[in-house]
Protein backbone atom coordinates (compact mmCIF):
# COMPACT_ATOMS: atom_id res chain seq x y z
CA UNK A 1 93.09 94.73 118.36
CA UNK A 2 96.65 93.40 118.36
CA UNK A 3 99.01 95.52 116.30
CA UNK A 4 101.74 94.25 114.03
CA UNK A 5 105.27 94.36 115.45
CA UNK A 6 108.24 94.80 113.12
CA UNK A 7 110.81 92.16 114.15
CA UNK A 8 113.49 92.48 111.50
CA UNK A 9 114.42 93.79 108.06
CA UNK A 10 116.88 92.24 105.63
CA UNK A 11 118.13 93.05 102.14
CA UNK A 12 117.55 90.75 99.18
CA UNK A 13 120.71 90.34 97.07
CA UNK A 14 121.01 91.74 93.54
CA UNK A 15 118.89 94.84 94.18
CA UNK A 16 115.92 92.79 95.31
CA UNK A 17 114.81 95.35 97.88
CA UNK A 18 113.96 94.49 101.45
CA UNK A 19 112.08 91.78 103.31
CA UNK A 20 110.38 92.55 106.60
CA UNK A 21 109.42 90.04 109.25
CA UNK A 22 106.28 91.07 111.11
CA UNK A 23 104.46 89.53 114.08
CA UNK A 24 100.96 89.96 115.47
CA UNK A 25 100.30 87.70 118.42
CA UNK A 26 101.03 84.16 117.18
CA UNK A 27 100.82 85.24 113.51
CA UNK A 28 103.89 85.98 111.37
CA UNK A 29 104.17 87.70 108.00
CA UNK A 30 107.03 88.17 105.53
CA UNK A 31 106.55 91.27 103.39
CA UNK A 32 108.25 92.88 100.40
CA UNK A 33 107.51 96.48 99.38
CA UNK A 34 104.16 96.40 101.15
CA UNK A 35 103.16 93.07 99.56
CA UNK A 36 102.70 90.05 101.80
CA UNK A 37 104.74 87.13 100.46
CA UNK A 38 103.78 84.67 103.17
CA UNK A 39 101.61 84.45 106.27
CA UNK A 40 101.82 81.75 108.91
CA UNK A 41 98.02 81.41 108.97
CA UNK A 42 97.81 80.62 105.25
CA UNK A 43 99.96 77.57 104.63
CA UNK A 44 97.60 75.25 102.76
CA UNK A 45 98.79 75.95 99.23
CA UNK A 46 102.47 75.95 100.23
CA UNK A 47 102.00 72.47 101.69
CA UNK A 48 100.08 71.37 98.59
CA UNK A 49 103.03 72.41 96.43
CA UNK A 50 105.01 69.60 98.05
CA UNK A 51 102.29 67.00 98.54
CA UNK A 52 101.11 67.20 94.92
CA UNK A 53 104.67 66.84 93.62
CA UNK A 54 105.46 63.98 96.00
CA UNK A 55 102.37 62.08 94.91
CA UNK A 56 103.95 61.85 91.48
CA UNK A 57 107.20 60.44 92.91
CA UNK A 58 105.83 57.47 94.83
CA UNK A 59 107.67 55.04 92.55
CA UNK A 60 110.98 56.85 93.20
CA UNK A 61 112.06 56.05 96.78
CA UNK A 62 115.47 57.68 96.27
CA UNK A 63 114.07 60.86 94.74
CA UNK A 64 115.92 64.17 94.99
CA UNK A 65 113.84 67.35 95.35
CA UNK A 66 115.07 70.89 94.83
CA UNK A 67 112.99 73.54 96.61
CA UNK A 68 113.48 77.16 95.61
CA UNK A 69 112.71 79.42 98.56
CA UNK A 70 112.39 78.36 102.19
CA UNK A 71 109.67 80.85 103.11
CA UNK A 72 108.33 79.70 106.46
CA UNK A 73 109.23 76.07 105.81
CA UNK A 74 105.73 74.77 105.09
CA UNK A 75 106.69 73.31 101.71
CA UNK A 76 109.82 71.69 103.13
CA UNK A 77 107.97 70.13 106.07
CA UNK A 78 105.29 68.71 103.79
CA UNK A 79 107.94 67.28 101.47
CA UNK A 80 109.80 65.58 104.30
CA UNK A 81 106.56 64.14 105.65
CA UNK A 82 105.71 62.64 102.25
CA UNK A 83 109.13 61.28 101.30
CA UNK A 84 110.82 58.09 102.41
CA UNK A 85 114.08 57.72 104.34
CA UNK A 86 116.22 57.39 101.20
CA UNK A 87 115.02 60.62 99.59
CA UNK A 88 117.01 63.86 99.54
CA UNK A 89 115.84 67.46 99.64
CA UNK A 90 117.93 70.49 98.71
CA UNK A 91 116.60 73.92 99.66
CA UNK A 92 118.06 76.94 97.87
CA UNK A 93 117.50 80.11 99.90
CA UNK A 94 118.91 83.37 98.60
CA UNK A 95 118.40 85.38 101.79
CA UNK A 96 120.35 84.11 104.84
CA UNK A 97 118.09 85.99 107.26
CA UNK A 98 115.12 83.85 106.22
CA UNK A 99 116.85 80.76 107.63
CA UNK A 100 117.88 82.76 110.71
CA UNK A 101 114.22 83.72 111.27
CA UNK A 102 113.25 80.06 110.94
CA UNK A 103 115.76 79.12 113.62
CA UNK A 104 114.87 82.11 115.79
CA UNK A 105 111.45 83.72 116.26
CA UNK A 106 109.68 81.13 114.06
CA UNK A 107 111.45 78.04 115.38
CA UNK A 108 108.16 76.60 116.61
CA UNK A 109 106.82 76.74 113.04
CA UNK A 110 109.90 75.13 111.49
CA UNK A 111 109.88 72.33 114.04
CA UNK A 112 112.53 69.69 113.45
CA UNK A 113 112.70 70.05 109.66
CA UNK A 114 115.98 71.98 109.65
CA UNK A 115 117.65 69.10 111.50
CA UNK A 116 116.39 66.38 109.18
CA UNK A 117 119.35 64.33 107.85
CA UNK A 118 117.76 64.22 104.37
CA UNK A 119 118.02 68.01 104.07
CA UNK A 120 120.76 70.14 102.53
CA UNK A 121 120.45 73.94 102.61
CA UNK A 122 122.27 75.86 99.89
CA UNK A 123 122.60 79.61 100.33
CA UNK A 124 122.18 81.17 96.91
CA UNK A 125 120.07 81.48 93.79
CA UNK A 126 117.96 78.45 92.90
CA UNK A 127 118.41 79.45 89.27
CA UNK A 128 122.14 78.69 89.53
CA UNK A 129 121.43 75.17 90.82
CA UNK A 130 118.90 74.59 88.07
CA UNK A 131 121.28 75.90 85.43
CA UNK A 132 124.10 73.59 86.55
CA UNK A 133 121.87 70.54 86.86
CA UNK A 134 121.84 67.75 84.30
CA UNK A 135 119.12 65.18 85.07
CA UNK A 136 119.87 65.94 88.74
CA UNK A 137 116.40 66.21 90.29
CA UNK A 138 113.16 64.26 90.34
CA UNK A 139 111.23 67.42 91.20
CA UNK A 140 111.89 71.15 91.29
CA UNK A 141 109.51 73.18 93.47
CA UNK A 142 109.47 76.95 93.01
CA UNK A 143 107.90 79.36 95.50
CA UNK A 144 110.21 82.35 95.32
CA UNK A 145 107.67 84.94 94.13
CA UNK A 146 103.92 85.52 94.17
CA UNK A 147 103.72 83.87 90.76
CA UNK A 148 105.70 83.26 87.56
CA UNK A 149 107.34 86.66 87.48
CA UNK A 150 110.10 88.30 89.49
CA UNK A 151 108.31 90.03 92.35
CA UNK A 152 110.87 89.65 95.13
CA UNK A 153 113.61 90.55 92.63
CA UNK A 154 113.59 91.18 88.89
CA UNK A 155 116.33 88.62 88.27
CA UNK A 156 113.82 85.87 89.11
CA UNK A 157 112.10 86.50 85.77
CA UNK A 158 114.66 84.20 84.20
CA UNK A 159 113.25 81.25 86.14
CA UNK A 160 110.00 81.51 84.18
CA UNK A 161 111.11 82.60 80.71
CA UNK A 162 111.65 80.10 77.87
CA UNK A 163 115.37 79.73 78.59
CA UNK A 164 114.71 79.17 82.30
CA UNK A 165 112.06 76.54 81.62
CA UNK A 166 114.37 74.76 79.20
CA UNK A 167 117.04 74.73 81.91
CA UNK A 168 114.54 73.30 84.38
CA UNK A 169 113.56 70.54 81.97
CA UNK A 170 117.23 69.71 81.47
CA UNK A 171 117.85 69.64 85.23
CA UNK A 172 115.00 67.16 85.76
CA UNK A 173 115.32 63.43 85.35
CA UNK A 174 113.02 61.85 82.73
CA UNK A 175 109.43 62.16 83.91
CA UNK A 176 110.43 64.60 86.64
CA UNK A 177 108.12 67.36 87.85
CA UNK A 178 108.47 71.14 87.87
CA UNK A 179 105.95 72.53 90.38
CA UNK A 180 105.37 76.29 90.52
CA UNK A 181 103.26 78.15 93.10
CA UNK A 182 101.27 81.29 92.26
CA UNK A 183 98.75 83.51 93.99
CA UNK A 184 96.76 83.82 90.73
CA UNK A 185 96.29 82.13 87.33
CA UNK A 186 98.52 83.01 84.41
CA UNK A 187 97.43 81.60 81.05
CA UNK A 188 100.55 82.84 79.30
CA UNK A 189 102.77 80.87 81.68
CA UNK A 190 100.73 77.71 81.10
CA UNK A 191 101.38 78.05 77.37
CA UNK A 192 105.04 78.79 77.97
CA UNK A 193 105.39 75.54 79.93
CA UNK A 194 103.81 73.58 77.09
CA UNK A 195 106.05 75.19 74.51
CA UNK A 196 109.04 74.18 76.67
CA UNK A 197 108.01 70.54 76.26
CA UNK A 198 106.20 69.90 79.54
CA UNK A 199 102.88 68.13 80.02
CA UNK A 200 101.01 70.64 82.17
CA UNK A 201 98.37 70.31 84.89
CA UNK A 202 97.05 73.44 86.61
CA UNK A 203 95.62 72.84 90.09
CA UNK A 204 93.63 75.31 92.20
CA UNK A 205 94.07 74.95 95.96
CA UNK A 206 92.80 76.89 98.95
CA UNK A 207 95.29 79.12 100.73
CA UNK A 208 93.93 77.91 104.07
CA UNK A 209 94.03 74.24 103.17
CA UNK A 210 90.30 74.04 103.89
CA UNK A 211 87.14 74.54 101.86
CA UNK A 212 86.96 78.34 102.05
CA UNK A 213 89.20 81.28 101.37
CA UNK A 214 91.32 82.46 98.48
CA UNK A 215 92.43 80.00 95.82
CA UNK A 216 96.03 79.76 94.72
CA UNK A 217 97.44 78.02 91.65
CA UNK A 218 100.02 75.26 91.35
CA UNK A 219 101.41 74.23 87.99
CA UNK A 220 102.58 70.62 87.80
CA UNK A 221 104.71 70.37 84.68
CA UNK A 222 106.01 66.88 83.85
CA UNK A 223 109.16 66.48 81.78
CA UNK A 224 109.21 63.99 78.90
CA UNK A 225 110.28 60.42 79.49
CA UNK A 226 110.11 58.38 82.66
């Protein structure tokens, strides 16, 4: 049996603890406090986060997407594959080492996405970009935790509380989409989205992208108007 090899450790800003990059053969894992945040074998739901949002933007050829959290780049790659040449994608990544890993040991996974001319990478908190946005984005995609609560760092809770959801609605253009990834359902979050004024669809998708394996949840919350 192939054992896991510890490749690197980095610190998450604002007392967010540590992230560890692990490798076992061709498989990579990003872990936080013993919890696996992402695995290179299980990319189906991360891709679906982008494809489901992009399906709702087909009538917006110049759409602007904000992606919170690079992860292993699966969401970004899927977004770029589903968007036209006039679209723009901004990725907010809080941890610089995550992008360094994507350019280094996981470069074969990232492919050419980091060189795409439609892409802008912003080092920092996605919450700051959301808070400063005024009808700036056609879609906001959040995959910074294992669900709508601050796992990787407690400060992320404010992305999912009523004030954070109101800020997201304000940052979206009319009819824009807030898409949130989660490893499990959360009925309270669904209600919170509705109270914030979103029309909410909750979609279950396979982690593997196939017909078997664990199911993850994606909330597609549409802002009024459009």
